[in-house]
């Protein structure tokens, strides 16, 4: 019975802790920069054309899902035409292709930001 309330409370406390730490650190960092007399324009996007966040997320998510699909397909082909162990083959190929697709997404995102 205690476990029923312990898990949601732990999740709430963890999320609250991360948000609080992020906001308090950001505030302290900004105050330190203001005390040193640094220009506050580093906090603004003023005039810079940056790639919107949703485009980056969609690009990486699409590439990740395509990488997982290609990984499943390659693992299926290897399992069918070779005598490799299927229980090790599927996770290895799927994670390898997912990692490769995330690397490609990182590279494409970097090119989007440069434009």
PDB file of N, CA and C in Angstrom:
ATOM      1  N   UNK A   1       0.809  -1.185   0.000  1.00  0.00           N
ATOM      2  CA  UNK A   1       0.000   0.000   0.000  1.00  0.00           C
ATOM      3  C   UNK A   1       0.862   1.262   0.000  1.00  0.00           C
ATOM      4  N   UNK A   2       1.969   1.248   0.715  1.00  0.00           N
ATOM      5  CA  UNK A   2       2.856   2.408   0.741  1.00  0.00           C
ATOM      6  C   UNK A   2       3.529   2.604  -0.607  1.00  0.00           C
ATOM      7  N   UNK A   3       3.739   1.528  -1.356  1.00  0.00           N
ATOM      8  CA  UNK A   3       4.358   1.623  -2.669  1.00  0.00           C
ATOM      9  C   UNK A   3       3.479   2.320  -3.682  1.00  0.00           C
ATOM     10  N   UNK A   4       2.165   2.289  -3.468  1.00  0.00           N
ATOM     11  CA  UNK A   4       1.241   2.939  -4.396  1.00  0.00           C
ATOM     12  C   UNK A   4       1.415   4.460  -4.401  1.00  0.00           C
ATOM     13  N   UNK A   5       1.727   5.024  -3.276  1.00  0.00           N
ATOM     14  CA  UNK A   5       1.910   6.476  -3.199  1.00  0.00           C
ATOM     15  C   UNK A   5       3.377   6.857  -3.340  1.00  0.00           C
ATOM     16  N   UNK A   6       4.280   5.942  -3.048  1.00  0.00           N
ATOM     17  CA  UNK A   6       5.709   6.240  -3.068  1.00  0.00           C
ATOM     18  C   UNK A   6       6.229   6.508  -4.476  1.00  0.00           C
ATOM     19  N   UNK A   7       5.774   5.767  -5.456  1.00  0.00           N
ATOM     20  CA  UNK A   7       6.252   5.933  -6.827  1.00  0.00           C
ATOM     21  C   UNK A   7       5.821   7.273  -7.423  1.00  0.00           C
ATOM     22  N   UNK A   8       4.535   7.642  -7.380  1.00  0.00           N
ATOM     23  CA  UNK A   8       4.167   8.960  -7.925  1.00  0.00           C
ATOM     24  C   UNK A   8       4.821  10.122  -7.179  1.00  0.00           C
ATOM     25  N   UNK A   9       4.946   9.980  -5.863  1.00  0.00           N
ATOM     26  CA  UNK A   9       5.570  11.041  -5.093  1.00  0.00           C
ATOM     27  C   UNK A   9       7.053  11.173  -5.457  1.00  0.00           C
ATOM     28  N   UNK A  10       7.718  10.063  -5.671  1.00  0.00           N
ATOM     29  CA  UNK A  10       9.119  10.098  -6.080  1.00  0.00           C
ATOM     30  C   UNK A  10       9.274  10.739  -7.451  1.00  0.00           C
ATOM     31  N   UNK A  11       8.380  10.404  -8.375  1.00  0.00           N
ATOM     32  CA  UNK A  11       8.425  11.007  -9.708  1.00  0.00           C
ATOM     33  C   UNK A  11       8.223  12.518  -9.611  1.00  0.00           C
ATOM     34  N   UNK A  12       7.238  12.957  -8.840  1.00  0.00           N
ATOM     35  CA  UNK A  12       6.973  14.372  -8.682  1.00  0.00           C
ATOM     36  C   UNK A  12       8.173  15.089  -8.082  1.00  0.00           C
ATOM     37  N   UNK A  13       8.757  14.516  -7.045  1.00  0.00           N
ATOM     38  CA  UNK A  13       9.907  15.138  -6.399  1.00  0.00           C
ATOM     39  C   UNK A  13      11.105  15.208  -7.339  1.00  0.00           C
ATOM     40  N   UNK A  14      11.317  14.186  -8.150  1.00  0.00           N
ATOM     41  CA  UNK A  14      12.433  14.193  -9.090  1.00  0.00           C
ATOM     42  C   UNK A  14      12.249  15.277 -10.147  1.00  0.00           C
ATOM     43  N   UNK A  15      11.043  15.382 -10.694  1.00  0.00           N
ATOM     44  CA  UNK A  15      10.768  16.410 -11.706  1.00  0.00           C
ATOM     45  C   UNK A  15      10.883  17.796 -11.082  1.00  0.00           C
ATOM     46  N   UNK A  16      10.322  17.973  -9.900  1.00  0.00           N
ATOM     47  CA  UNK A  16      10.425  19.263  -9.217  1.00  0.00           C
ATOM     48  C   UNK A  16      11.878  19.628  -8.942  1.00  0.00           C
ATOM     49  N   UNK A  17      12.683  18.661  -8.512  1.00  0.00           N
ATOM     50  CA  UNK A  17      14.093  18.914  -8.230  1.00  0.00           C
ATOM     51  C   UNK A  17      14.865  19.342  -9.460  1.00  0.00           C
ATOM     52  N   UNK A  18      14.621  18.692 -10.585  1.00  0.00           N
ATOM     53  CA  UNK A  18      15.321  19.043 -11.818  1.00  0.00           C
ATOM     54  C   UNK A  18      14.925  20.439 -12.279  1.00  0.00           C
ATOM     55  N   UNK A  19      13.644  20.754 -12.252  1.00  0.00           N
ATOM     56  CA  UNK A  19      13.184  22.079 -12.685  1.00  0.00           C
ATOM     57  C   UNK A  19      13.717  23.155 -11.751  1.00  0.00           C
ATOM     58  N   UNK A  20      13.657  22.921 -10.452  1.00  0.00           N
ATOM     59  CA  UNK A  20      14.163  23.897  -9.484  1.00  0.00           C
ATOM     60  C   UNK A  20      15.655  24.130  -9.674  1.00  0.00           C
ATOM     61  N   UNK A  21      16.413  23.058  -9.854  1.00  0.00           N
ATOM     62  CA  UNK A  21      17.856  23.189 -10.046  1.00  0.00           C
ATOM     63  C   UNK A  21      18.167  23.956 -11.320  1.00  0.00           C
ATOM     64  N   UNK A  22      17.428  23.689 -12.377  1.00  0.00           N
ATOM     65  CA  UNK A  22      17.643  24.389 -13.644  1.00  0.00           C
ATOM     66  C   UNK A  22      17.366  25.881 -13.498  1.00  0.00           C
ATOM     67  N   UNK A  23      16.226  26.219 -12.911  1.00  0.00           N
ATOM     68  CA  UNK A  23      15.849  27.629 -12.791  1.00  0.00           C
ATOM     69  C   UNK A  23      16.761  28.383 -11.834  1.00  0.00           C
ATOM     70  N   UNK A  24      17.107  27.787 -10.711  1.00  0.00           N
ATOM     71  CA  UNK A  24      17.962  28.494  -9.757  1.00  0.00           C
ATOM     72  C   UNK A  24      19.376  28.667 -10.300  1.00  0.00           C
ATOM     73  N   UNK A  25      19.895  27.678 -11.012  1.00  0.00           N
ATOM     74  CA  UNK A  25      21.223  27.800 -11.603  1.00  0.00           C
ATOM     75  C   UNK A  25      21.230  28.864 -12.680  1.00  0.00           C
ATOM     76  N   UNK A  26      20.196  28.905 -13.498  1.00  0.00           N
ATOM     77  CA  UNK A  26      20.115  29.901 -14.557  1.00  0.00           C
ATOM     78  C   UNK A  26      20.049  31.304 -13.967  1.00  0.00           C
ATOM     79  N   UNK A  27      19.279  31.454 -12.895  1.00  0.00           N
ATOM     80  CA  UNK A  27      19.168  32.757 -12.253  1.00  0.00           C
ATOM     81  C   UNK A  27      20.502  33.196 -11.671  1.00  0.00           C
ATOM     82  N   UNK A  28      21.202  32.303 -10.975  1.00  0.00           N
ATOM     83  CA  UNK A  28      22.497  32.646 -10.380  1.00  0.00           C
ATOM     84  C   UNK A  28      23.515  32.997 -11.461  1.00  0.00           C
ATOM     85  N   UNK A  29      23.480  32.267 -12.557  1.00  0.00           N
ATOM     86  CA  UNK A  29      24.416  32.527 -13.656  1.00  0.00           C
ATOM     87  C   UNK A  29      24.163  33.906 -14.264  1.00  0.00           C
ATOM     88  N   UNK A  30      22.924  34.251 -14.454  1.00  0.00           N
ATOM     89  CA  UNK A  30      22.588  35.561 -15.023  1.00  0.00           C
ATOM     90  C   UNK A  30      22.963  36.687 -14.069  1.00  0.00           C
ATOM     91  N   UNK A  31      22.712  36.498 -12.789  1.00  0.00           N
ATOM     92  CA  UNK A  31      23.086  37.519 -11.816  1.00  0.00           C
ATOM     93  C   UNK A  31      24.597  37.726 -11.777  1.00  0.00           C
ATOM     94  N   UNK A  32      25.351  36.646 -11.878  1.00  0.00           N
ATOM     95  CA  UNK A  32      26.815  36.768 -11.885  1.00  0.00           C
ATOM     96  C   UNK A  32      27.294  37.519 -13.125  1.00  0.00           C
ATOM     97  N   UNK A  33      26.674  37.273 -14.267  1.00  0.00           N
ATOM     98  CA  UNK A  33      27.065  37.987 -15.482  1.00  0.00           C
ATOM     99  C   UNK A  33      26.709  39.465 -15.393  1.00  0.00           C
ATOM    100  N   UNK A  34      25.563  39.777 -14.799  1.00  0.00           N
ATOM    101  CA  UNK A  34      25.163  41.170 -14.651  1.00  0.00           C
ATOM    102  C   UNK A  34      26.107  41.904 -13.702  1.00  0.00           C
ATOM    103  N   UNK A  35      26.526  41.227 -12.627  1.00  0.00           N
ATOM    104  CA  UNK A  35      27.457  41.844 -11.682  1.00  0.00           C
ATOM    105  C   UNK A  35      28.799  42.155 -12.340  1.00  0.00           C
ATOM    106  N   UNK A  36      29.210  41.334 -13.274  1.00  0.00           N
ATOM    107  CA  UNK A  36      30.479  41.563 -13.958  1.00  0.00           C
ATOM    108  C   UNK A  36      30.358  42.585 -15.074  1.00  0.00           C
ATOM    109  N   UNK A  37      29.149  42.997 -15.377  1.00  0.00           N
ATOM    110  CA  UNK A  37      28.945  44.012 -16.392  1.00  0.00           C
ATOM    111  C   UNK A  37      28.908  43.474 -17.813  1.00  0.00           C
ATOM    112  N   UNK A  38      28.635  42.210 -17.985  1.00  0.00           N
ATOM    113  CA  UNK A  38      28.557  41.612 -19.314  1.00  0.00           C
ATOM    114  C   UNK A  38      27.242  42.033 -19.965  1.00  0.00           C
ATOM    115  N   UNK A  39      27.275  42.229 -21.279  1.00  0.00           N
ATOM    116  CA  UNK A  39      26.089  42.650 -22.013  1.00  0.00           C
ATOM    117  C   UNK A  39      25.007  41.580 -21.905  1.00  0.00           C
ATOM    118  N   UNK A  40      23.779  41.998 -21.664  1.00  0.00           N
ATOM    119  CA  UNK A  40      22.656  41.078 -21.476  1.00  0.00           C
ATOM    120  C   UNK A  40      22.109  40.549 -22.794  1.00  0.00           C
ATOM    121  N   UNK A  41      22.686  40.943 -23.911  1.00  0.00           N
ATOM    122  CA  UNK A  41      22.168  40.502 -25.200  1.00  0.00           C
ATOM    123  C   UNK A  41      22.411  39.014 -25.445  1.00  0.00           C
ATOM    124  N   UNK A  42      23.263  38.382 -24.641  1.00  0.00           N
ATOM    125  CA  UNK A  42      23.485  36.948 -24.842  1.00  0.00           C
ATOM    126  C   UNK A  42      22.264  36.125 -24.443  1.00  0.00           C
ATOM    127  N   UNK A  43      21.331  36.736 -23.694  1.00  0.00           N
ATOM    128  CA  UNK A  43      20.127  36.031 -23.294  1.00  0.00           C
ATOM    129  C   UNK A  43      19.008  36.147 -24.307  1.00  0.00           C
ATOM    130  N   UNK A  44      19.176  37.003 -25.282  1.00  0.00           N
ATOM    131  CA  UNK A  44      18.141  37.249 -26.279  1.00  0.00           C
ATOM    132  C   UNK A  44      18.504  36.584 -27.602  1.00  0.00           C
ATOM    133  N   UNK A  45      17.484  36.311 -28.415  1.00  0.00           N
ATOM    134  CA  UNK A  45      17.687  35.783 -29.755  1.00  0.00           C
ATOM    135  C   UNK A  45      17.844  36.900 -30.771  1.00  0.00           C
ATOM    136  N   UNK A  46      17.758  38.111 -30.352  1.00  0.00           N
ATOM    137  CA  UNK A  46      17.680  39.286 -31.193  1.00  0.00           C
ATOM    138  C   UNK A  46      18.405  39.209 -32.516  1.00  0.00           C
ATOM    139  N   UNK A  47      17.665  39.043 -33.590  1.00  0.00           N
ATOM    140  CA  UNK A  47      18.225  39.108 -34.927  1.00  0.00           C
ATOM    141  C   UNK A  47      18.810  37.808 -35.444  1.00  0.00           C
ATOM    142  N   UNK A  48      19.039  36.850 -34.593  1.00  0.00           N
ATOM    143  CA  UNK A  48      19.630  35.601 -35.056  1.00  0.00           C
ATOM    144  C   UNK A  48      18.535  34.672 -35.549  1.00  0.00           C
ATOM    145  N   UNK A  49      18.728  34.175 -36.746  1.00  0.00           N
ATOM    146  CA  UNK A  49      17.775  33.209 -37.286  1.00  0.00           C
ATOM    147  C   UNK A  49      18.250  31.816 -36.900  1.00  0.00           C
ATOM    148  N   UNK A  50      17.611  31.243 -35.907  1.00  0.00           N
ATOM    149  CA  UNK A  50      17.965  29.911 -35.458  1.00  0.00           C
ATOM    150  C   UNK A  50      16.882  28.956 -35.892  1.00  0.00           C
ATOM    151  N   UNK A  51      17.251  27.709 -36.054  1.00  0.00           N
ATOM    152  CA  UNK A  51      16.296  26.684 -36.432  1.00  0.00           C
ATOM    153  C   UNK A  51      15.327  26.460 -35.273  1.00  0.00           C
ATOM    154  N   UNK A  52      14.024  26.461 -35.538  1.00  0.00           N
ATOM    155  CA  UNK A  52      13.054  26.227 -34.461  1.00  0.00           C
ATOM    156  C   UNK A  52      13.259  24.852 -33.815  1.00  0.00           C
ATOM    157  N   UNK A  53      12.993  24.798 -32.526  1.00  0.00           N
ATOM    158  CA  UNK A  53      13.236  23.593 -31.739  1.00  0.00           C
ATOM    159  C   UNK A  53      12.417  22.410 -32.235  1.00  0.00           C
ATOM    160  N   UNK A  54      11.173  22.654 -32.646  1.00  0.00           N
ATOM    161  CA  UNK A  54      10.321  21.555 -33.081  1.00  0.00           C
ATOM    162  C   UNK A  54      10.855  20.898 -34.356  1.00  0.00           C
ATOM    163  N   UNK A  55      11.514  21.671 -35.207  1.00  0.00           N
ATOM    164  CA  UNK A  55      12.082  21.080 -36.421  1.00  0.00           C
ATOM    165  C   UNK A  55      13.227  20.134 -36.081  1.00  0.00           C
ATOM    166  N   UNK A  56      14.024  20.504 -35.112  1.00  0.00           N
ATOM    167  CA  UNK A  56      15.144  19.658 -34.692  1.00  0.00           C
ATOM    168  C   UNK A  56      14.617  18.365 -34.083  1.00  0.00           C
ATOM    169  N   UNK A  57      13.601  18.466 -33.228  1.00  0.00           N
ATOM    170  CA  UNK A  57      13.014  17.278 -32.588  1.00  0.00           C
ATOM    171  C   UNK A  57      12.397  16.364 -33.633  1.00  0.00           C
ATOM    172  N   UNK A  58      11.627  16.934 -34.559  1.00  0.00           N
ATOM    173  CA  UNK A  58      10.982  16.117 -35.594  1.00  0.00           C
ATOM    174  C   UNK A  58      12.010  15.440 -36.495  1.00  0.00           C
ATOM    175  N   UNK A  59      13.060  16.161 -36.865  1.00  0.00           N
ATOM    176  CA  UNK A  59      14.104  15.581 -37.704  1.00  0.00           C
ATOM    177  C   UNK A  59      14.772  14.407 -37.004  1.00  0.00           C
ATOM    178  N   UNK A  60      15.173  14.598 -35.755  1.00  0.00           N
ATOM    179  CA  UNK A  60      15.842  13.521 -35.021  1.00  0.00           C
ATOM    180  C   UNK A  60      14.912  12.351 -34.737  1.00  0.00           C
ATOM    181  N   UNK A  61      13.650  12.624 -34.428  1.00  0.00           N
ATOM    182  CA  UNK A  61      12.696  11.552 -34.177  1.00  0.00           C
ATOM    183  C   UNK A  61      12.432  10.740 -35.447  1.00  0.00           C
ATOM    184  N   UNK A  62      12.268  11.438 -36.568  1.00  0.00           N
ATOM    185  CA  UNK A  62      12.032  10.738 -37.831  1.00  0.00           C
ATOM    186  C   UNK A  62      13.225   9.876 -38.205  1.00  0.00           C
ATOM    187  N   UNK A  63      14.435  10.404 -38.068  1.00  0.00           N
ATOM    188  CA  UNK A  63      15.626   9.620 -38.389  1.00  0.00           C
ATOM    189  C   UNK A  63      15.797   8.444 -37.430  1.00  0.00           C
ATOM    190  N   UNK A  64      15.466   8.644 -36.152  1.00  0.00           N
ATOM    191  CA  UNK A  64      15.570   7.554 -35.184  1.00  0.00           C
ATOM    192  C   UNK A  64      14.617   6.417 -35.537  1.00  0.00           C
ATOM    193  N   UNK A  65      13.376   6.755 -35.854  1.00  0.00           N
ATOM    194  CA  UNK A  65      12.399   5.718 -36.196  1.00  0.00           C
ATOM    195  C   UNK A  65      12.774   5.015 -37.494  1.00  0.00           C
ATOM    196  N   UNK A  66      13.298   5.762 -38.475  1.00  0.00           N
ATOM    197  CA  UNK A  66      13.759   5.115 -39.710  1.00  0.00           C
ATOM    198  C   UNK A  66      14.951   4.205 -39.436  1.00  0.00           C
ATOM    199  N   UNK A  67      15.848   4.641 -38.549  1.00  0.00           N
ATOM    200  CA  UNK A  67      16.996   3.809 -38.197  1.00  0.00           C
ATOM    201  C   UNK A  67      16.581   2.525 -37.509  1.00  0.00           C
ATOM    202  N   UNK A  68      15.593   2.594 -36.631  1.00  0.00           N
ATOM    203  CA  UNK A  68      15.087   1.393 -35.966  1.00  0.00           C
ATOM    204  C   UNK A  68      14.443   0.461 -36.986  1.00  0.00           C
ATOM    205  N   UNK A  69      13.674   1.022 -37.914  1.00  0.00           N
ATOM    206  CA  UNK A  69      13.050   0.192 -38.957  1.00  0.00           C
ATOM    207  C   UNK A  69      14.074  -0.486 -39.834  1.00  0.00           C
ATOM    208  N   UNK A  70      15.094   0.242 -40.242  1.00  0.00           N
ATOM    209  CA  UNK A  70      16.161  -0.356 -41.060  1.00  0.00           C
ATOM    210  C   UNK A  70      16.907  -1.413 -40.249  1.00  0.00           C
ATOM    211  N   UNK A  71      17.105  -1.156 -38.962  1.00  0.00           N
ATOM    212  CA  UNK A  71      17.774  -2.132 -38.101  1.00  0.00           C
ATOM    213  C   UNK A  71      16.997  -3.430 -37.982  1.00  0.00           C
ATOM    214  N   UNK A  72      15.690  -3.333 -37.825  1.00  0.00           N
ATOM    215  CA  UNK A  72      14.853  -4.539 -37.763  1.00  0.00           C
ATOM    216  C   UNK A  72      14.923  -5.298 -39.081  1.00  0.00           C
ATOM    217  N   UNK A  73      14.878  -4.567 -40.193  1.00  0.00           N
ATOM    218  CA  UNK A  73      14.934  -5.207 -41.507  1.00  0.00           C
ATOM    219  C   UNK A  73      16.277  -5.908 -41.733  1.00  0.00           C
ATOM    220  N   UNK A  74      17.369  -5.248 -41.401  1.00  0.00           N
ATOM    221  CA  UNK A  74      18.688  -5.868 -41.565  1.00  0.00           C
ATOM    222  C   UNK A  74      18.836  -7.074 -40.642  1.00  0.00           C
ATOM    223  N   UNK A  75      18.350  -6.951 -39.414  1.00  0.00           N
ATOM    224  CA  UNK A  75      18.424  -8.084 -38.482  1.00  0.00           C
ATOM    225  C   UNK A  75      17.598  -9.260 -38.988  1.00  0.00           C
ATOM    226  N   UNK A  76      16.437  -8.993 -39.574  1.00  0.00           N
ATOM    227  CA  UNK A  76      15.608 -10.052 -40.145  1.00  0.00           C
ATOM    228  C   UNK A  76      16.329 -10.744 -41.293  1.00  0.00           C
ATOM    229  N   UNK A  77      16.959  -9.962 -42.158  1.00  0.00           N
ATOM    230  CA  UNK A  77      17.714 -10.552 -43.270  1.00  0.00           C
ATOM    231  C   UNK A  77      18.879 -11.398 -42.770  1.00  0.00           C
ATOM    232  N   UNK A  78      19.611 -10.884 -41.794  1.00  0.00           N
ATOM    233  CA  UNK A  78      20.744 -11.637 -41.256  1.00  0.00           C
ATOM    234  C   UNK A  78      20.285 -12.903 -40.537  1.00  0.00           C
ATOM    235  N   UNK A  79      19.188 -12.825 -39.812  1.00  0.00           N
ATOM    236  CA  UNK A  79      18.682 -14.004 -39.110  1.00  0.00           C
ATOM    237  C   UNK A  79      18.180 -15.056 -40.080  1.00  0.00           C
ATOM    238  N   UNK A  80      17.626 -14.615 -41.214  1.00  0.00           N
ATOM    239  CA  UNK A  80      17.093 -15.559 -42.195  1.00  0.00           C
ATOM    240  C   UNK A  80      18.193 -16.256 -42.974  1.00  0.00           C
ATOM    241  N   UNK A  81      19.194 -15.511 -43.389  1.00  0.00           N
ATOM    242  CA  UNK A  81      20.193 -16.050 -44.303  1.00  0.00           C
ATOM    243  C   UNK A  81      21.508 -16.447 -43.649  1.00  0.00           C
ATOM    244  N   UNK A  82      21.639 -16.291 -42.344  1.00  0.00           N
ATOM    245  CA  UNK A  82      22.841 -16.746 -41.639  1.00  0.00           C
ATOM    246  C   UNK A  82      22.426 -17.590 -40.445  1.00  0.00           C
ATOM    247  N   UNK A  83      23.408 -18.156 -39.799  1.00  0.00           N
ATOM    248  CA  UNK A  83      23.118 -18.980 -38.619  1.00  0.00           C
ATOM    249  C   UNK A  83      23.495 -18.245 -37.333  1.00  0.00           C
ATOM    250  N   UNK A  84      23.418 -16.930 -37.360  1.00  0.00           N
ATOM    251  CA  UNK A  84      23.737 -16.145 -36.169  1.00  0.00           C
ATOM    252  C   UNK A  84      22.622 -16.273 -35.131  1.00  0.00           C
ATOM    253  N   UNK A  85      22.976 -16.062 -33.873  1.00  0.00           N
ATOM    254  CA  UNK A  85      22.036 -16.157 -32.769  1.00  0.00           C
ATOM    255  C   UNK A  85      21.068 -14.972 -32.813  1.00  0.00           C
ATOM    256  N   UNK A  86      19.768 -15.259 -32.965  1.00  0.00           N
ATOM    257  CA  UNK A  86      18.769 -14.196 -33.103  1.00  0.00           C
ATOM    258  C   UNK A  86      18.608 -13.365 -31.840  1.00  0.00           C
ATOM    259  N   UNK A  87      18.778 -13.975 -30.676  1.00  0.00           N
ATOM    260  CA  UNK A  87      18.553 -13.232 -29.435  1.00  0.00           C
ATOM    261  C   UNK A  87      19.608 -12.140 -29.233  1.00  0.00           C
ATOM    262  N   UNK A  88      20.769 -12.287 -29.816  1.00  0.00           N
ATOM    263  CA  UNK A  88      21.788 -11.244 -29.729  1.00  0.00           C
ATOM    264  C   UNK A  88      21.803 -10.362 -30.967  1.00  0.00           C
ATOM    265  N   UNK A  89      21.335 -10.891 -32.072  1.00  0.00           N
ATOM    266  CA  UNK A  89      21.411 -10.183 -33.340  1.00  0.00           C
ATOM    267  C   UNK A  89      20.448  -8.990 -33.391  1.00  0.00           C
ATOM    268  N   UNK A  90      19.205  -9.191 -33.016  1.00  0.00           N
ATOM    269  CA  UNK A  90      18.202  -8.128 -33.119  1.00  0.00           C
ATOM    270  C   UNK A  90      18.566  -6.883 -32.299  1.00  0.00           C
ATOM    271  N   UNK A  91      18.840  -7.015 -30.996  1.00  0.00           N
ATOM    272  CA  UNK A  91      19.179  -5.790 -30.247  1.00  0.00           C
ATOM    273  C   UNK A  91      20.453  -5.112 -30.757  1.00  0.00           C
ATOM    274  N   UNK A  92      21.442  -5.908 -31.146  1.00  0.00           N
ATOM    275  CA  UNK A  92      22.700  -5.322 -31.613  1.00  0.00           C
ATOM    276  C   UNK A  92      22.501  -4.505 -32.878  1.00  0.00           C
ATOM    277  N   UNK A  93      21.814  -5.038 -33.844  1.00  0.00           N
ATOM    278  CA  UNK A  93      21.608  -4.319 -35.104  1.00  0.00           C
ATOM    279  C   UNK A  93      20.675  -3.127 -34.896  1.00  0.00           C
ATOM    280  N   UNK A  94      19.623  -3.296 -34.109  1.00  0.00           N
ATOM    281  CA  UNK A  94      18.679  -2.199 -33.886  1.00  0.00           C
ATOM    282  C   UNK A  94      19.367  -1.029 -33.189  1.00  0.00           C
ATOM    283  N   UNK A  95      20.125  -1.302 -32.128  1.00  0.00           N
ATOM    284  CA  UNK A  95      20.803  -0.218 -31.422  1.00  0.00           C
ATOM    285  C   UNK A  95      21.894   0.417 -32.275  1.00  0.00           C
ATOM    286  N   UNK A  96      22.577  -0.373 -33.075  1.00  0.00           N
ATOM    287  CA  UNK A  96      23.605   0.178 -33.953  1.00  0.00           C
ATOM    288  C   UNK A  96      22.998   1.112 -34.986  1.00  0.00           C
ATOM    289  N   UNK A  97      21.920   0.697 -35.615  1.00  0.00           N
ATOM    290  CA  UNK A  97      21.276   1.542 -36.621  1.00  0.00           C
ATOM    291  C   UNK A  97      20.610   2.766 -35.991  1.00  0.00           C
ATOM    292  N   UNK A  98      20.060   2.616 -34.799  1.00  0.00           N
ATOM    293  CA  UNK A  98      19.465   3.765 -34.113  1.00  0.00           C
ATOM    294  C   UNK A  98      20.546   4.787 -33.765  1.00  0.00           C
ATOM    295  N   UNK A  99      21.685   4.322 -33.291  1.00  0.00           N
ATOM    296  CA  UNK A  99      22.797   5.229 -32.995  1.00  0.00           C
ATOM    297  C   UNK A  99      23.315   5.915 -34.237  1.00  0.00           C
ATOM    298  N   UNK A 100      23.427   5.168 -35.330  1.00  0.00           N
ATOM    299  CA  UNK A 100      23.885   5.764 -36.585  1.00  0.00           C
ATOM    300  C   UNK A 100      22.895   6.821 -37.073  1.00  0.00           C
ATOM    301  N   UNK A 101      21.606   6.551 -36.932  1.00  0.00           N
ATOM    302  CA  UNK A 101      20.611   7.532 -37.380  1.00  0.00           C
ATOM    303  C   UNK A 101      20.633   8.777 -36.500  1.00  0.00           C
ATOM    304  N   UNK A 102      20.874   8.634 -35.207  1.00  0.00           N
ATOM    305  CA  UNK A 102      20.983   9.805 -34.341  1.00  0.00           C
ATOM    306  C   UNK A 102      22.223  10.628 -34.672  1.00  0.00           C
ATOM    307  N   UNK A 103      23.300   9.959 -35.050  1.00  0.00           N
ATOM    308  CA  UNK A 103      24.500  10.690 -35.477  1.00  0.00           C
ATOM    309  C   UNK A 103      24.230  11.468 -36.759  1.00  0.00           C
ATOM    310  N   UNK A 104      23.523  10.854 -37.697  1.00  0.00           N
ATOM    311  CA  UNK A 104      23.154  11.547 -38.931  1.00  0.00           C
ATOM    312  C   UNK A 104      22.243  12.730 -38.607  1.00  0.00           C
ATOM    313  N   UNK A 105      21.312  12.556 -37.680  1.00  0.00           N
ATOM    314  CA  UNK A 105      20.440  13.642 -37.264  1.00  0.00           C
ATOM    315  C   UNK A 105      21.204  14.784 -36.623  1.00  0.00           C
ATOM    316  N   UNK A 106      22.211  14.456 -35.813  1.00  0.00           N
ATOM    317  CA  UNK A 106      23.052  15.488 -35.212  1.00  0.00           C
ATOM    318  C   UNK A 106      23.780  16.279 -36.288  1.00  0.00           C
ATOM    319  N   UNK A 107      24.325  15.577 -37.282  1.00  0.00           N
ATOM    320  CA  UNK A 107      25.040  16.235 -38.369  1.00  0.00           C
ATOM    321  C   UNK A 107      24.105  17.124 -39.180  1.00  0.00           C
ATOM    322  N   UNK A 108      22.912  16.634 -39.467  1.00  0.00           N
ATOM    323  CA  UNK A 108      21.953  17.436 -40.230  1.00  0.00           C
ATOM    324  C   UNK A 108      21.476  18.651 -39.431  1.00  0.00           C
ATOM    325  N   UNK A 109      21.315  18.501 -38.132  1.00  0.00           N
ATOM    326  CA  UNK A 109      20.911  19.615 -37.285  1.00  0.00           C
ATOM    327  C   UNK A 109      21.995  20.685 -37.252  1.00  0.00           C
ATOM    328  N   UNK A 110      23.244  20.246 -37.190  1.00  0.00           N
ATOM    329  CA  UNK A 110      24.352  21.200 -37.189  1.00  0.00           C
ATOM    330  C   UNK A 110      24.381  21.982 -38.499  1.00  0.00           C
ATOM    331  N   UNK A 111      24.090  21.306 -39.619  1.00  0.00           N
ATOM    332  CA  UNK A 111      24.049  22.000 -40.907  1.00  0.00           C
ATOM    333  C   UNK A 111      22.881  22.982 -40.966  1.00  0.00           C
ATOM    334  N   UNK A 112      21.738  22.618 -40.346  1.00  0.00           N
ATOM    335  CA  UNK A 112      20.596  23.541 -40.309  1.00  0.00           C
ATOM    336  C   UNK A 112      20.915  24.802 -39.511  1.00  0.00           C
ATOM    337  N   UNK A 113      21.645  24.655 -38.418  1.00  0.00           N
ATOM    338  CA  UNK A 113      21.983  25.812 -37.593  1.00  0.00           C
ATOM    339  C   UNK A 113      22.984  26.722 -38.282  1.00  0.00           C
ATOM    340  N   UNK A 114      23.842  26.159 -39.129  1.00  0.00           N
ATOM    341  CA  UNK A 114      24.844  26.969 -39.820  1.00  0.00           C
ATOM    342  C   UNK A 114      24.221  27.867 -40.871  1.00  0.00           C
ATOM    343  N   UNK A 115      23.093  27.467 -41.441  1.00  0.00           N
ATOM    344  CA  UNK A 115      22.453  28.260 -42.502  1.00  0.00           C
ATOM    345  C   UNK A 115      21.796  29.499 -41.978  1.00  0.00           C
TER     346      UNK A 115
END
